Structure formats: C-alpha cells, structure tokens
C-alpha cells in the first residue's frame, strides 16, 4: 500500500530522515514510534505530501508523491498532533467546510456515518470551543475520515486526554483499523501494543526496529526472569540456585510466612520445570510462579538511548 524507498529529508545541514526503507501493507495498523526529534513527524509530512523528500521516494499504491501529490492527498485522512480545528465554528459548519474542501458530494450521508462512528450525535450544533478535549479529538477524527480515505494517519490522537477518553478513542481507532490502512504515532507504548499489528521504531532518522510487539520483545529476551512466591527462606533459595546451577537470585525477600523471589537465567533454555520439580521435592508450598517478559518500553529505551548513544 505504502512504500518508502531510500527516503531522505534534510533541513540545511540537519538530516531529519536518513535513508528510510520500509513498506506498509494494505489493512495494516502500524505503530510508528521514536523519541522526540527522531524524524517521525517529518516522515509523516512527506507521506501526506506536505513536505517534499530531499532524496528517495514514497509510493502509495501505484502513485508516487513527487508526481501525484493531489491524488495521494485524496487517499489519506490525517489527524495531526495539534488538532486543526476552527474553534469559532459549530461542529456542523466545520465538517461541512471540510467536506467542501475535500469535494465530498454526499455530505449529509457522510455526516451521519462519521457521527455514528465518532459519537458526535448531540454535539453537531455546538460550537467547537465549548467541547471537551475528548470531543474535540472526535471532531478531528471525523474530519480525517469524512472523505472515506483508504489510509488514516493519526499523530498522538490521545495526547492530553483523561483515562476514560483514552479508552474511548482507542476503541474507535481499533474499529477504524478494521477498514483502513492506519498509521498510529504515539508515545503511549501500552496503546501501541494494544492496537497495532506491527511496530516500526526510528531513531535519528533511521529504522532501528521493525516487527510485532512480541517479535521486538523476544529479540531482547536473552535472559529470562521468573518470579516466585513460596514457603522457603532466602537461604534455602540460594541453595536451590546453587544446586540447579547457572541460575541467579536477583532478590529473595520475606513477606510474612512466604518468600518473594526473582530468579534469572539464560533464555535459551527454559528452567521453570527444573525449578518446579525442586520445589516439589522440598515439599515447599508454591503460591505463584510466572515469567516476567521484557516490556516494549525496555525495547524502546534500549534502541533509542543505549544504541542511540544518549545518556
């Protein structure tokens, strides 16, 4: 659906995007991540034809941004981080204005459809400046999908919203993703993990990771951590680690009559069965044992701070 080929964008001596190459498949929900200044917004602005690449190209279907910017803009709905609303207008007037710009002929029908999707019934006649931040985001989403685009790009769509509003917008994004190719830029990693099929992380204008959340987490899981809660003493836990060999005790703290334990070992061999059999042999009562997965936040920080060289 969308293909970036050797994409470069320079601002004078500053290279904001540095030879990006990746594809976005039709119907995919892509999480596009990176720290501030990584080149995310610049890339999005080139995809939406607001900026011209210094080098390289972007293809949307059979069209490229250099030769067909107007046609590509017709295919894309875009909600920037700073929602472009005319707050002195009513919701109805703003969406009608947007429809006229977009050349939407069946406005009344589309207004009903986007009002249904975005939950705008009851506020269409209200002035935008009287709406809550959550409803303003809904109006922004409505303008982005009013012309029924094939591609939807959302830049920080839940920024500044309260938890209830975030949950509502997230559900709406999932619904929209069922019928459109969707690019989601967000600093809320739990949101990206919950919503997106695939994640691309960029740093200093380059792609540093590409895959599902599970794939990215697995690539960093060279050590497995296991948490236990059982009837033993910290000293007995140390003896267990020594007996099983190559298992590290990260912590063993008493909590009442139980000890809470964090163990670590090489992830190439799952040692949980050995640990369970040892506990069974000792006739300890095991309340809990679970594996602690590497978080997406850990992956993101590793790629954008450790490898990025920032302190």
C-alpha atoms as a PDB file:
ATOM      1  CA  UNK A   1       0.000   0.000   0.000  1.00  0.00           C
ATOM      2  CA  UNK A   2       2.736   2.472   1.031  1.00  0.00           C
ATOM      3  CA  UNK A   3       6.419   2.057   0.205  1.00  0.00           C
ATOM      4  CA  UNK A   4       9.279   4.292   1.348  1.00  0.00           C
ATOM      5  CA  UNK A   5      12.402   3.904  -0.769  1.00  0.00           C
ATOM      6  CA  UNK A   6      15.748   5.367   0.335  1.00  0.00           C
ATOM      7  CA  UNK A   7      13.874   8.351   1.815  1.00  0.00           C
ATOM      8  CA  UNK A   8      15.936  11.363   2.906  1.00  0.00           C
ATOM      9  CA  UNK A   9      14.929  14.775   4.248  1.00  0.00           C
ATOM     10  CA  UNK A  10      17.460  17.492   5.017  1.00  0.00           C
ATOM     11  CA  UNK A  11      16.873  20.855   6.660  1.00  0.00           C
ATOM     12  CA  UNK A  12      20.052  22.675   5.694  1.00  0.00           C
ATOM     13  CA  UNK A  13      22.872  20.748   7.380  1.00  0.00           C
ATOM     14  CA  UNK A  14      20.447  18.770   9.570  1.00  0.00           C
ATOM     15  CA  UNK A  15      19.414  15.350   8.282  1.00  0.00           C
ATOM     16  CA  UNK A  16      15.999  14.637   9.821  1.00  0.00           C
ATOM     17  CA  UNK A  17      15.283  11.443   7.843  1.00  0.00           C
ATOM     18  CA  UNK A  18      18.193   9.250   6.816  1.00  0.00           C
ATOM     19  CA  UNK A  19      17.569   6.686   4.044  1.00  0.00           C
ATOM     20  CA  UNK A  20      14.340   5.126   5.329  1.00  0.00           C
ATOM     21  CA  UNK A  21      13.173   1.934   3.638  1.00  0.00           C
ATOM     22  CA  UNK A  22      10.002   0.118   4.654  1.00  0.00           C
ATOM     23  CA  UNK A  23       6.563  -0.904   3.403  1.00  0.00           C
ATOM     24  CA  UNK A  24       3.128  -0.624   5.000  1.00  0.00           C
ATOM     25  CA  UNK A  25       0.696  -3.314   3.890  1.00  0.00           C
ATOM     26  CA  UNK A  26      -2.921  -2.714   2.995  1.00  0.00           C
ATOM     27  CA  UNK A  27      -5.216  -3.096   6.020  1.00  0.00           C
ATOM     28  CA  UNK A  28      -2.320  -2.980   8.479  1.00  0.00           C
ATOM     29  CA  UNK A  29      -2.337  -0.972  11.720  1.00  0.00           C
ATOM     30  CA  UNK A  30       1.228   0.295  12.058  1.00  0.00           C
ATOM     31  CA  UNK A  31       2.680   1.840  15.193  1.00  0.00           C
ATOM     32  CA  UNK A  32       5.290   4.413  14.164  1.00  0.00           C
ATOM     33  CA  UNK A  33       7.500   5.205  17.172  1.00  0.00           C
ATOM     34  CA  UNK A  34      10.577   7.194  18.034  1.00  0.00           C
ATOM     35  CA  UNK A  35      11.853   9.731  20.561  1.00  0.00           C
ATOM     36  CA  UNK A  36      11.326  13.443  20.041  1.00  0.00           C
ATOM     37  CA  UNK A  37      13.437  14.597  17.107  1.00  0.00           C
ATOM     38  CA  UNK A  38      13.699  11.107  15.580  1.00  0.00           C
ATOM     39  CA  UNK A  39      12.077  12.164  12.301  1.00  0.00           C
ATOM     40  CA  UNK A  40       8.558  10.715  12.776  1.00  0.00           C
ATOM     41  CA  UNK A  41       6.599  13.889  12.031  1.00  0.00           C
ATOM     42  CA  UNK A  42       8.851  14.764   9.090  1.00  0.00           C
ATOM     43  CA  UNK A  43       8.256  11.296   7.630  1.00  0.00           C
ATOM     44  CA  UNK A  44       4.503  11.607   8.116  1.00  0.00           C
ATOM     45  CA  UNK A  45       4.503  15.036   6.454  1.00  0.00           C
ATOM     46  CA  UNK A  46       6.275  13.558   3.439  1.00  0.00           C
ATOM     47  CA  UNK A  47       3.780  10.677   3.212  1.00  0.00           C
ATOM     48  CA  UNK A  48       0.913  13.193   3.342  1.00  0.00           C
ATOM     49  CA  UNK A  49       2.642  15.352   0.678  1.00  0.00           C
ATOM     50  CA  UNK A  50       3.075  18.394   2.950  1.00  0.00           C
ATOM     51  CA  UNK A  51       6.848  18.103   2.528  1.00  0.00           C
ATOM     52  CA  UNK A  52       8.918  17.080  -0.490  1.00  0.00           C
ATOM     53  CA  UNK A  53      11.699  14.494   0.047  1.00  0.00           C
ATOM     54  CA  UNK A  54      15.292  15.649  -0.444  1.00  0.00           C
ATOM     55  CA  UNK A  55      16.062  12.223  -1.923  1.00  0.00           C
ATOM     56  CA  UNK A  56      14.243   8.950  -2.436  1.00  0.00           C
ATOM     57  CA  UNK A  57      10.561   8.404  -2.990  1.00  0.00           C
ATOM     58  CA  UNK A  58       7.264   7.369  -1.437  1.00  0.00           C
ATOM     59  CA  UNK A  59       4.727   5.308  -3.364  1.00  0.00           C
ATOM     60  CA  UNK A  60       1.095   4.997  -2.357  1.00  0.00           C
ATOM     61  CA  UNK A  61      -0.405   2.209  -4.409  1.00  0.00           C
ATOM     62  CA  UNK A  62       0.746   2.877  -7.975  1.00  0.00           C
ATOM     63  CA  UNK A  63       1.287   6.614  -7.353  1.00  0.00           C
ATOM     64  CA  UNK A  64       4.343   8.441  -6.088  1.00  0.00           C
ATOM     65  CA  UNK A  65       4.402  11.637  -4.023  1.00  0.00           C
ATOM     66  CA  UNK A  66       6.617  13.530  -6.450  1.00  0.00           C
ATOM     67  CA  UNK A  67       4.295  13.202  -9.453  1.00  0.00           C
ATOM     68  CA  UNK A  68       0.851  12.701  -7.885  1.00  0.00           C
ATOM     69  CA  UNK A  69       0.552  14.710  -4.643  1.00  0.00           C
ATOM     70  CA  UNK A  70      -3.088  15.746  -5.145  1.00  0.00           C
ATOM     71  CA  UNK A  71      -4.260  12.214  -5.915  1.00  0.00           C
ATOM     72  CA  UNK A  72      -2.406  10.849  -2.876  1.00  0.00           C
ATOM     73  CA  UNK A  73      -3.872  13.508  -0.576  1.00  0.00           C
ATOM     74  CA  UNK A  74      -7.330  12.346  -1.641  1.00  0.00           C
ATOM     75  CA  UNK A  75      -6.452   8.858  -0.403  1.00  0.00           C
ATOM     76  CA  UNK A  76      -5.263   9.962   3.040  1.00  0.00           C
ATOM     77  CA  UNK A  77      -7.031  11.148   6.177  1.00  0.00           C
ATOM     78  CA  UNK A  78      -4.727  12.903   8.640  1.00  0.00           C
ATOM     79  CA  UNK A  79      -5.139  13.955  12.261  1.00  0.00           C
ATOM     80  CA  UNK A  80      -2.007  15.907  13.277  1.00  0.00           C
ATOM     81  CA  UNK A  81      -0.805  16.085  16.870  1.00  0.00           C
ATOM     82  CA  UNK A  82      -2.166  19.630  17.136  1.00  0.00           C
ATOM     83  CA  UNK A  83      -5.791  19.188  16.082  1.00  0.00           C
ATOM     84  CA  UNK A  84      -6.527  21.731  13.278  1.00  0.00           C
ATOM     85  CA  UNK A  85      -9.961  22.922  14.394  1.00  0.00           C
ATOM     86  CA  UNK A  86     -11.647  26.252  13.739  1.00  0.00           C
ATOM     87  CA  UNK A  87     -12.986  26.597  17.259  1.00  0.00           C
ATOM     88  CA  UNK A  88     -15.333  29.513  16.475  1.00  0.00           C
ATOM     89  CA  UNK A  89     -17.326  27.237  14.142  1.00  0.00           C
ATOM     90  CA  UNK A  90     -20.001  24.738  15.100  1.00  0.00           C
ATOM     91  CA  UNK A  91     -19.166  21.068  14.543  1.00  0.00           C
ATOM     92  CA  UNK A  92     -21.630  21.003  11.633  1.00  0.00           C
ATOM     93  CA  UNK A  93     -20.142  24.076   9.930  1.00  0.00           C
ATOM     94  CA  UNK A  94     -16.587  22.824  10.396  1.00  0.00           C
ATOM     95  CA  UNK A  95     -17.338  19.404   8.903  1.00  0.00           C
ATOM     96  CA  UNK A  96     -19.328  20.980   6.050  1.00  0.00           C
ATOM     97  CA  UNK A  97     -16.369  23.291   5.345  1.00  0.00           C
ATOM     98  CA  UNK A  98     -14.035  20.272   5.362  1.00  0.00           C
ATOM     99  CA  UNK A  99     -16.378  18.370   3.033  1.00  0.00           C
ATOM    100  CA  UNK A 100     -16.422  21.263   0.551  1.00  0.00           C
ATOM    101  CA  UNK A 101     -12.620  21.427   0.516  1.00  0.00           C
ATOM    102  CA  UNK A 102     -12.437  17.670   0.018  1.00  0.00           C
ATOM    103  CA  UNK A 103     -15.094  17.665  -2.712  1.00  0.00           C
ATOM    104  CA  UNK A 104     -17.435  15.417  -0.738  1.00  0.00           C
ATOM    105  CA  UNK A 105     -20.752  15.491  -2.636  1.00  0.00           C
ATOM    106  CA  UNK A 106     -22.905  13.337  -0.334  1.00  0.00           C
ATOM    107  CA  UNK A 107     -22.207  15.430   2.788  1.00  0.00           C
ATOM    108  CA  UNK A 108     -25.434  14.685   4.689  1.00  0.00           C
ATOM    109  CA  UNK A 109     -24.941  10.952   4.321  1.00  0.00           C
ATOM    110  CA  UNK A 110     -21.250  11.143   5.287  1.00  0.00           C
ATOM    111  CA  UNK A 111     -22.058  13.409   8.249  1.00  0.00           C
ATOM    112  CA  UNK A 112     -24.432  10.775   9.615  1.00  0.00           C
ATOM    113  CA  UNK A 113     -21.886   7.998   9.044  1.00  0.00           C
ATOM    114  CA  UNK A 114     -18.957   9.795  10.719  1.00  0.00           C
ATOM    115  CA  UNK A 115     -21.235  10.982  13.542  1.00  0.00           C
ATOM    116  CA  UNK A 116     -22.168   7.346  14.160  1.00  0.00           C
ATOM    117  CA  UNK A 117     -18.532   6.209  14.123  1.00  0.00           C
ATOM    118  CA  UNK A 118     -17.131   9.089  16.184  1.00  0.00           C
ATOM    119  CA  UNK A 119     -20.022   9.540  18.613  1.00  0.00           C
ATOM    120  CA  UNK A 120     -20.896  13.103  17.605  1.00  0.00           C
ATOM    121  CA  UNK A 121     -24.679  12.881  17.928  1.00  0.00           C
ATOM    122  CA  UNK A 122     -25.920  15.589  20.263  1.00  0.00           C
ATOM    123  CA  UNK A 123     -22.981  17.944  19.718  1.00  0.00           C
ATOM    124  CA  UNK A 124     -23.169  18.636  15.956  1.00  0.00           C
ATOM    125  CA  UNK A 125     -24.847  22.006  16.527  1.00  0.00           C
ATOM    126  CA  UNK A 126     -22.480  23.034  19.320  1.00  0.00           C
ATOM    127  CA  UNK A 127     -19.584  25.467  18.957  1.00  0.00           C
ATOM    128  CA  UNK A 128     -16.249  23.634  18.946  1.00  0.00           C
ATOM    129  CA  UNK A 129     -14.782  25.947  21.596  1.00  0.00           C
ATOM    130  CA  UNK A 130     -17.367  24.640  24.105  1.00  0.00           C
ATOM    131  CA  UNK A 131     -16.331  20.993  23.687  1.00  0.00           C
ATOM    132  CA  UNK A 132     -14.101  18.919  25.952  1.00  0.00           C
ATOM    133  CA  UNK A 133     -10.689  17.791  24.707  1.00  0.00           C
ATOM    134  CA  UNK A 134     -12.074  14.304  24.118  1.00  0.00           C
ATOM    135  CA  UNK A 135     -14.900  15.551  21.915  1.00  0.00           C
ATOM    136  CA  UNK A 136     -12.516  17.851  20.037  1.00  0.00           C
ATOM    137  CA  UNK A 137     -10.421  14.781  19.215  1.00  0.00           C
ATOM    138  CA  UNK A 138     -13.562  13.034  17.987  1.00  0.00           C
ATOM    139  CA  UNK A 139     -14.299  16.002  15.710  1.00  0.00           C
ATOM    140  CA  UNK A 140     -10.704  15.843  14.451  1.00  0.00           C
ATOM    141  CA  UNK A 141     -11.119  12.157  13.669  1.00  0.00           C
ATOM    142  CA  UNK A 142     -14.409  12.892  11.926  1.00  0.00           C
ATOM    143  CA  UNK A 143     -12.765  15.408   9.593  1.00  0.00           C
ATOM    144  CA  UNK A 144      -9.986  12.894   8.877  1.00  0.00           C
ATOM    145  CA  UNK A 145     -12.411  10.178   7.734  1.00  0.00           C
ATOM    146  CA  UNK A 146     -15.135  12.393   6.219  1.00  0.00           C
ATOM    147  CA  UNK A 147     -13.971  11.745   2.645  1.00  0.00           C
ATOM    148  CA  UNK A 148     -13.683   7.979   3.357  1.00  0.00           C
ATOM    149  CA  UNK A 149      -9.915   7.700   2.784  1.00  0.00           C
ATOM    150  CA  UNK A 150      -8.131   4.380   2.285  1.00  0.00           C
ATOM    151  CA  UNK A 151      -5.307   5.469   4.604  1.00  0.00           C
ATOM    152  CA  UNK A 152      -5.639   7.085   8.030  1.00  0.00           C
ATOM    153  CA  UNK A 153      -2.704   8.715   9.831  1.00  0.00           C
ATOM    154  CA  UNK A 154      -3.105   9.649  13.496  1.00  0.00           C
ATOM    155  CA  UNK A 155      -0.361  11.583  15.300  1.00  0.00           C
ATOM    156  CA  UNK A 156      -0.712  11.379  19.118  1.00  0.00           C
ATOM    157  CA  UNK A 157      -4.523  11.063  18.963  1.00  0.00           C
ATOM    158  CA  UNK A 158      -4.910  10.547  22.743  1.00  0.00           C
ATOM    159  CA  UNK A 159      -2.484  13.241  23.913  1.00  0.00           C
ATOM    160  CA  UNK A 160      -3.898  15.219  26.842  1.00  0.00           C
ATOM    161  CA  UNK A 161      -6.965  13.016  27.311  1.00  0.00           C
ATOM    162  CA  UNK A 162      -8.098  11.501  30.599  1.00  0.00           C
ATOM    163  CA  UNK A 163      -8.126   7.675  31.023  1.00  0.00           C
ATOM    164  CA  UNK A 164     -11.808   7.339  30.073  1.00  0.00           C
ATOM    165  CA  UNK A 165     -11.343   9.454  26.948  1.00  0.00           C
ATOM    166  CA  UNK A 166      -8.208   7.482  26.022  1.00  0.00           C
ATOM    167  CA  UNK A 167     -10.146   4.207  26.249  1.00  0.00           C
ATOM    168  CA  UNK A 168     -12.947   5.606  24.056  1.00  0.00           C
ATOM    169  CA  UNK A 169     -10.579   6.941  21.367  1.00  0.00           C
ATOM    170  CA  UNK A 170      -8.581   3.690  21.457  1.00  0.00           C
ATOM    171  CA  UNK A 171     -11.737   1.653  20.786  1.00  0.00           C
ATOM    172  CA  UNK A 172     -12.569   3.989  17.916  1.00  0.00           C
ATOM    173  CA  UNK A 173      -9.069   3.551  16.440  1.00  0.00           C
ATOM    174  CA  UNK A 174      -9.442  -0.250  16.579  1.00  0.00           C
ATOM    175  CA  UNK A 175     -12.782  -0.013  14.740  1.00  0.00           C
ATOM    176  CA  UNK A 176     -11.333   2.302  12.079  1.00  0.00           C
ATOM    177  CA  UNK A 177      -8.371  -0.047  11.660  1.00  0.00           C
ATOM    178  CA  UNK A 178     -10.723  -2.823  10.552  1.00  0.00           C
ATOM    179  CA  UNK A 179     -11.500  -0.989   7.312  1.00  0.00           C
ATOM    180  CA  UNK A 180      -8.464   1.227   6.635  1.00  0.00           C
ATOM    181  CA  UNK A 181      -4.689   1.127   6.494  1.00  0.00           C
ATOM    182  CA  UNK A 182      -3.771   3.014   9.666  1.00  0.00           C
ATOM    183  CA  UNK A 183      -0.554   4.631  10.890  1.00  0.00           C
ATOM    184  CA  UNK A 184      -0.504   5.497  14.591  1.00  0.00           C
ATOM    185  CA  UNK A 185       2.170   7.732  16.120  1.00  0.00           C
ATOM    186  CA  UNK A 186       2.073   7.679  19.916  1.00  0.00           C
ATOM    187  CA  UNK A 187       4.329   7.965  22.948  1.00  0.00           C
ATOM    188  CA  UNK A 188       1.929   5.752  24.926  1.00  0.00           C
ATOM    189  CA  UNK A 189       3.578   2.379  24.368  1.00  0.00           C
ATOM    190  CA  UNK A 190       0.771   0.376  26.014  1.00  0.00           C
ATOM    191  CA  UNK A 191      -1.604   1.934  23.494  1.00  0.00           C
ATOM    192  CA  UNK A 192       0.586   0.965  20.558  1.00  0.00           C
ATOM    193  CA  UNK A 193       0.979  -2.572  21.892  1.00  0.00           C
ATOM    194  CA  UNK A 194      -2.790  -2.935  22.369  1.00  0.00           C
ATOM    195  CA  UNK A 195      -3.796  -1.535  18.978  1.00  0.00           C
ATOM    196  CA  UNK A 196      -1.074  -2.172  16.387  1.00  0.00           C
ATOM    197  CA  UNK A 197      -0.311  -5.225  14.241  1.00  0.00           C
ATOM    198  CA  UNK A 198       3.259  -4.082  13.640  1.00  0.00           C
ATOM    199  CA  UNK A 199       5.671  -1.530  15.088  1.00  0.00           C
ATOM    200  CA  UNK A 200       8.455   0.447  13.439  1.00  0.00           C
ATOM    201  CA  UNK A 201      10.855   2.349  15.703  1.00  0.00           C
ATOM    202  CA  UNK A 202      13.080   5.038  14.235  1.00  0.00           C
ATOM    203  CA  UNK A 203      15.959   6.905  15.864  1.00  0.00           C
ATOM    204  CA  UNK A 204      17.986   9.743  14.381  1.00  0.00           C
ATOM    205  CA  UNK A 205      16.090   9.340  11.114  1.00  0.00           C
ATOM    206  CA  UNK A 206      16.823   5.613  10.693  1.00  0.00           C
ATOM    207  CA  UNK A 207      14.788   2.459  11.252  1.00  0.00           C
ATOM    208  CA  UNK A 208      16.148   0.604  14.289  1.00  0.00           C
ATOM    209  CA  UNK A 209      13.358  -1.985  14.728  1.00  0.00           C
ATOM    210  CA  UNK A 210      10.513  -3.457  12.674  1.00  0.00           C
ATOM    211  CA  UNK A 211       8.137  -6.206  13.778  1.00  0.00           C
ATOM    212  CA  UNK A 212       5.233  -7.110  16.016  1.00  0.00           C
ATOM    213  CA  UNK A 213       5.418  -6.195  19.714  1.00  0.00           C
ATOM    214  CA  UNK A 214       6.063  -9.867  20.521  1.00  0.00           C
ATOM    215  CA  UNK A 215       8.880 -10.098  17.980  1.00  0.00           C
ATOM    216  CA  UNK A 216      10.574  -6.959  19.290  1.00  0.00           C
ATOM    217  CA  UNK A 217      10.290  -8.159  22.880  1.00  0.00           C
ATOM    218  CA  UNK A 218      11.608 -11.638  22.013  1.00  0.00           C
ATOM    219  CA  UNK A 219      14.650 -10.189  20.262  1.00  0.00           C
ATOM    220  CA  UNK A 220      15.717  -8.599  23.562  1.00  0.00           C
ATOM    221  CA  UNK A 221      14.871 -11.560  25.785  1.00  0.00           C
ATOM    222  CA  UNK A 222      18.324 -13.142  26.083  1.00  0.00           C
ATOM    223  CA  UNK A 223      17.774 -13.558  29.833  1.00  0.00           C
ATOM    224  CA  UNK A 224      14.589 -14.954  31.352  1.00  0.00           C
ATOM    225  CA  UNK A 225      13.281 -13.642  34.665  1.00  0.00           C
ATOM    226  CA  UNK A 226      10.954 -15.739  36.819  1.00  0.00           C
ATOM    227  CA  UNK A 227       9.092 -14.540  39.911  1.00  0.00           C
ATOM    228  CA  UNK A 228       8.016 -16.958  42.653  1.00  0.00           C
ATOM    229  CA  UNK A 229       6.207 -16.784  45.967  1.00  0.00           C
ATOM    230  CA  UNK A 230       6.662 -19.866  48.178  1.00  0.00           C
ATOM    231  CA  UNK A 231       7.289 -21.245  51.687  1.00  0.00           C
ATOM    232  CA  UNK A 232      11.063 -21.200  51.990  1.00  0.00           C
ATOM    233  CA  UNK A 233      13.784 -18.996  53.436  1.00  0.00           C
ATOM    234  CA  UNK A 234      16.128 -16.714  51.468  1.00  0.00           C
ATOM    235  CA  UNK A 235      18.975 -19.059  52.447  1.00  0.00           C
ATOM    236  CA  UNK A 236      17.134 -22.071  51.023  1.00  0.00           C
ATOM    237  CA  UNK A 237      16.541 -20.160  47.778  1.00  0.00           C
ATOM    238  CA  UNK A 238      20.294 -19.557  47.460  1.00  0.00           C
ATOM    239  CA  UNK A 239      20.871 -23.280  47.998  1.00  0.00           C
ATOM    240  CA  UNK A 240      18.349 -24.082  45.256  1.00  0.00           C
ATOM    241  CA  UNK A 241      20.111 -21.760  42.797  1.00  0.00           C
ATOM    242  CA  UNK A 242      23.456 -23.363  43.591  1.00  0.00           C
ATOM    243  CA  UNK A 243      22.023 -26.880  43.203  1.00  0.00           C
ATOM    244  CA  UNK A 244      20.412 -26.156  39.841  1.00  0.00           C
ATOM    245  CA  UNK A 245      23.493 -24.172  38.612  1.00  0.00           C
ATOM    246  CA  UNK A 246      23.578 -21.118  36.328  1.00  0.00           C
ATOM    247  CA  UNK A 247      20.526 -19.567  37.972  1.00  0.00           C
ATOM    248  CA  UNK A 248      20.968 -16.141  39.553  1.00  0.00           C
ATOM    249  CA  UNK A 249      18.952 -14.961  42.555  1.00  0.00           C
ATOM    250  CA  UNK A 250      18.162 -11.320  41.898  1.00  0.00           C
ATOM    251  CA  UNK A 251      16.161 -10.957  45.095  1.00  0.00           C
ATOM    252  CA  UNK A 252      14.645 -13.078  47.877  1.00  0.00           C
ATOM    253  CA  UNK A 253      12.575 -11.157  50.404  1.00  0.00           C
ATOM    254  CA  UNK A 254      10.458 -12.492  53.247  1.00  0.00           C
ATOM    255  CA  UNK A 255       6.820 -11.431  53.285  1.00  0.00           C
ATOM    256  CA  UNK A 256       5.129 -12.955  56.305  1.00  0.00           C
ATOM    257  CA  UNK A 257       5.499 -16.726  56.109  1.00  0.00           C
ATOM    258  CA  UNK A 258       6.374 -16.637  52.397  1.00  0.00           C
ATOM    259  CA  UNK A 259       9.411 -15.515  50.452  1.00  0.00           C
ATOM    260  CA  UNK A 260       9.130 -13.497  47.228  1.00  0.00           C
ATOM    261  CA  UNK A 261      11.872 -14.477  44.801  1.00  0.00           C
ATOM    262  CA  UNK A 262      13.168 -13.154  41.486  1.00  0.00           C
ATOM    263  CA  UNK A 263      15.381 -15.543  39.533  1.00  0.00           C
ATOM    264  CA  UNK A 264      17.215 -15.064  36.234  1.00  0.00           C
ATOM    265  CA  UNK A 265      18.807 -17.486  33.788  1.00  0.00           C
ATOM    266  CA  UNK A 266      19.804 -17.822  30.114  1.00  0.00           C
ATOM    267  CA  UNK A 267      16.650 -17.684  27.968  1.00  0.00           C
ATOM    268  CA  UNK A 268      17.941 -20.294  25.523  1.00  0.00           C
ATOM    269  CA  UNK A 269      16.806 -22.987  27.998  1.00  0.00           C
ATOM    270  CA  UNK A 270      13.569 -22.675  29.987  1.00  0.00           C
ATOM    271  CA  UNK A 271      14.419 -23.787  33.548  1.00  0.00           C
ATOM    272  CA  UNK A 272      10.943 -23.426  35.044  1.00  0.00           C
ATOM    273  CA  UNK A 273      10.246 -27.171  35.079  1.00  0.00           C
ATOM    274  CA  UNK A 274      13.507 -27.782  36.976  1.00  0.00           C
ATOM    275  CA  UNK A 275      12.614 -25.079  39.487  1.00  0.00           C
ATOM    276  CA  UNK A 276       9.112 -26.537  39.966  1.00  0.00           C
ATOM    277  CA  UNK A 277      10.474 -30.088  40.471  1.00  0.00           C
ATOM    278  CA  UNK A 278      12.997 -28.820  43.030  1.00  0.00           C
ATOM    279  CA  UNK A 279      10.249 -27.002  44.952  1.00  0.00           C
ATOM    280  CA  UNK A 280       8.070 -30.138  44.819  1.00  0.00           C
ATOM    281  CA  UNK A 281      10.938 -32.304  46.081  1.00  0.00           C
ATOM    282  CA  UNK A 282      11.462 -29.939  49.003  1.00  0.00           C
ATOM    283  CA  UNK A 283       7.697 -30.005  49.721  1.00  0.00           C
ATOM    284  CA  UNK A 284       7.516 -26.217  49.745  1.00  0.00           C
ATOM    285  CA  UNK A 285       4.150 -24.613  49.100  1.00  0.00           C
ATOM    286  CA  UNK A 286       4.292 -22.719  45.803  1.00  0.00           C
ATOM    287  CA  UNK A 287       1.744 -19.898  45.592  1.00  0.00           C
ATOM    288  CA  UNK A 288       2.934 -18.376  42.345  1.00  0.00           C
ATOM    289  CA  UNK A 289       5.464 -18.718  39.540  1.00  0.00           C
ATOM    290  CA  UNK A 290       5.371 -16.530  36.447  1.00  0.00           C
ATOM    291  CA  UNK A 291       7.723 -15.385  33.751  1.00  0.00           C
ATOM    292  CA  UNK A 292       8.480 -11.664  33.527  1.00  0.00           C
ATOM    293  CA  UNK A 293       8.554 -10.533  29.905  1.00  0.00           C
ATOM    294  CA  UNK A 294      10.713  -7.745  28.548  1.00  0.00           C
ATOM    295  CA  UNK A 295       8.474  -4.702  28.170  1.00  0.00           C
ATOM    296  CA  UNK A 296       8.064  -2.698  24.984  1.00  0.00           C
ATOM    297  CA  UNK A 297       9.345   0.277  26.985  1.00  0.00           C
ATOM    298  CA  UNK A 298      12.587  -1.628  27.664  1.00  0.00           C
ATOM    299  CA  UNK A 299      12.974  -2.332  23.935  1.00  0.00           C
ATOM    300  CA  UNK A 300      12.249   1.298  23.026  1.00  0.00           C
ATOM    301  CA  UNK A 301      14.744   2.678  25.562  1.00  0.00           C
ATOM    302  CA  UNK A 302      17.391   0.198  24.501  1.00  0.00           C
ATOM    303  CA  UNK A 303      17.083   1.173  20.861  1.00  0.00           C
ATOM    304  CA  UNK A 304      16.770   4.926  21.305  1.00  0.00           C
ATOM    305  CA  UNK A 305      19.045   5.602  24.295  1.00  0.00           C
ATOM    306  CA  UNK A 306      21.605   2.814  24.626  1.00  0.00           C
ATOM    307  CA  UNK A 307      22.169   2.279  20.898  1.00  0.00           C
ATOM    308  CA  UNK A 308      21.432   5.890  20.158  1.00  0.00           C
ATOM    309  CA  UNK A 309      24.339   6.881  22.367  1.00  0.00           C
ATOM    310  CA  UNK A 310      22.348   9.294  24.501  1.00  0.00           C
ATOM    311  CA  UNK A 311      22.887   9.409  28.263  1.00  0.00           C
END
